[in-house]
Protein backbone atom coordinates (compact mmCIF):
# COMPACT_ATOMS: atom_id res chain seq x y z
CA UNK A 1 28.08 -2.73 -90.01
CA UNK A 2 31.69 -1.91 -90.65
CA UNK A 3 32.96 -3.10 -87.25
CA UNK A 4 31.08 -6.39 -87.13
CA UNK A 5 33.50 -9.07 -85.95
CA UNK A 6 31.35 -12.20 -85.78
CA UNK A 7 27.80 -13.50 -85.92
CA UNK A 8 25.98 -15.57 -83.32
CA UNK A 9 22.68 -16.89 -84.66
CA UNK A 10 20.09 -18.51 -82.40
CA UNK A 11 18.42 -21.25 -84.38
CA UNK A 12 16.65 -24.31 -82.94
CA UNK A 13 17.50 -27.92 -82.23
CA UNK A 14 14.60 -28.75 -84.56
CA UNK A 15 16.11 -27.16 -87.67
CA UNK A 16 17.28 -30.61 -88.75
CA UNK A 17 14.58 -32.73 -87.11
CA UNK A 18 14.11 -34.66 -90.34
CA UNK A 19 17.48 -36.38 -89.78
CA UNK A 20 18.24 -39.32 -87.51
CA UNK A 21 21.75 -38.03 -86.83
CA UNK A 22 22.61 -34.34 -86.79
CA UNK A 23 26.24 -33.34 -87.11
CA UNK A 24 27.61 -29.92 -86.22
CA UNK A 25 27.24 -28.67 -89.76
CA UNK A 26 24.88 -26.75 -91.98
CA UNK A 27 23.01 -29.00 -94.37
CA UNK A 28 22.24 -27.80 -97.89
CA UNK A 29 18.53 -27.11 -98.43
CA UNK A 30 16.38 -29.08 -100.90
CA UNK A 31 15.69 -25.82 -102.75
CA UNK A 32 17.84 -22.71 -103.05
CA UNK A 33 16.40 -19.94 -100.83
CA UNK A 34 16.71 -17.35 -103.61
CA UNK A 35 14.57 -19.47 -105.93
CA UNK A 36 11.96 -19.93 -103.22
CA UNK A 37 11.81 -16.16 -102.67
CA UNK A 38 11.48 -15.57 -106.40
CA UNK A 39 8.60 -18.05 -106.58
CA UNK A 40 6.84 -16.36 -103.67
CA UNK A 41 6.87 -13.08 -105.60
CA UNK A 42 4.78 -14.35 -108.50
CA UNK A 43 3.04 -17.46 -107.21
CA UNK A 44 -0.59 -17.25 -106.08
CA UNK A 45 -1.09 -17.93 -102.34
CA UNK A 46 -3.40 -20.87 -103.06
CA UNK A 47 -0.81 -22.52 -105.31
CA UNK A 48 1.95 -21.85 -102.78
CA UNK A 49 -0.19 -23.42 -100.03
CA UNK A 50 -0.83 -26.46 -102.21
CA UNK A 51 2.93 -26.88 -102.83
CA UNK A 52 4.06 -26.29 -99.25
CA UNK A 53 4.15 -29.97 -98.24
CA UNK A 54 6.14 -30.82 -101.35
CA UNK A 55 8.57 -27.95 -100.71
CA UNK A 56 9.21 -28.76 -97.04
CA UNK A 57 9.50 -32.47 -97.93
CA UNK A 58 10.11 -34.61 -94.84
CA UNK A 59 9.98 -31.76 -92.32
CA UNK A 60 6.95 -31.55 -90.03
CA UNK A 61 6.25 -27.84 -90.58
CA UNK A 62 7.42 -24.62 -92.17
CA UNK A 63 9.04 -23.43 -88.91
CA UNK A 64 11.72 -26.14 -88.98
CA UNK A 65 12.16 -25.69 -92.73
CA UNK A 66 12.70 -21.92 -92.54
CA UNK A 67 15.08 -22.27 -89.58
CA UNK A 68 17.24 -24.58 -91.69
CA UNK A 69 17.03 -22.16 -94.63
CA UNK A 70 18.14 -19.28 -92.39
CA UNK A 71 21.19 -21.26 -91.25
CA UNK A 72 22.11 -22.00 -94.85
CA UNK A 73 21.68 -18.37 -95.94
CA UNK A 74 23.92 -17.19 -93.11
CA UNK A 75 26.59 -19.71 -94.08
CA UNK A 76 26.54 -18.39 -97.64
CA UNK A 77 26.29 -14.67 -96.91
CA UNK A 78 28.65 -14.43 -93.93
CA UNK A 79 31.65 -16.17 -95.44
CA UNK A 80 34.06 -13.46 -94.29
CA UNK A 81 32.95 -13.57 -90.64
CA UNK A 82 33.18 -16.17 -87.90
CA UNK A 83 29.70 -17.69 -87.54
CA UNK A 84 28.32 -19.53 -84.52
CA UNK A 85 24.91 -21.16 -84.69
CA UNK A 86 23.33 -22.02 -81.37
CA UNK A 87 20.59 -24.66 -81.49
CA UNK A 88 18.78 -24.72 -78.15
CA UNK A 89 15.87 -27.10 -77.71
CA UNK A 90 13.82 -24.46 -75.89
CA UNK A 91 14.07 -20.71 -75.40
CA UNK A 92 12.65 -18.92 -72.38
CA UNK A 93 12.53 -15.31 -71.33
CA UNK A 94 15.60 -13.07 -71.15
CA UNK A 95 17.89 -12.88 -68.17
CA UNK A 96 18.77 -9.18 -68.49
CA UNK A 97 18.40 -7.66 -71.96
CA UNK A 98 16.41 -5.76 -73.04
CA UNK A 99 14.75 -6.08 -69.61
CA UNK A 100 14.65 -9.01 -67.16
CA UNK A 101 11.93 -11.48 -68.10
CA UNK A 102 11.34 -10.09 -71.61
CA UNK A 103 9.82 -12.54 -74.10
CA UNK A 104 8.28 -11.94 -77.52
CA UNK A 105 5.89 -14.91 -77.50
CA UNK A 106 4.08 -17.27 -75.19
CA UNK A 107 5.30 -20.55 -76.67
CA UNK A 108 6.86 -23.24 -74.53
CA UNK A 109 7.47 -22.59 -70.85
CA UNK A 110 6.73 -18.86 -71.12
CA UNK A 111 3.08 -19.58 -71.88
CA UNK A 112 2.77 -21.86 -68.86
CA UNK A 113 4.40 -19.34 -66.54
CA UNK A 114 2.22 -16.46 -67.76
CA UNK A 115 -1.00 -18.50 -67.66
CA UNK A 116 -0.21 -19.67 -64.12
CA UNK A 117 0.73 -16.17 -62.98
CA UNK A 118 -2.51 -14.71 -64.33
CA UNK A 119 -4.59 -17.43 -62.67
CA UNK A 120 -5.71 -18.91 -66.01
CA UNK A 121 -4.03 -22.26 -65.36
CA UNK A 122 -4.88 -23.61 -61.93
CA UNK A 123 -4.27 -27.33 -62.22
């Protein structure tokens, strides 16, 4: 991408949910992402599953952990570009692109809207 001028990354407000106060900064991860990827290449799935709680530490799940890792990786890899990280608390369907109402999952409000529209949720 030779003409790339900046990066806007949509993260989540929960990327740093393990903190009482969250500043507008990218916090260093408890483990370097490259080392975690290396371990995933050779480590047995059962061992990796057993270590997951230790790896994610005080985070409630792997989703929040990997969102924080992604922010950190971007901050390290995109040093030559302006980087904006947006941390919404909830993401709904699209306004226009790629088509109005597009969504790639049924989490959050999208699931309620779809279930209601299909008559699956009546009360």
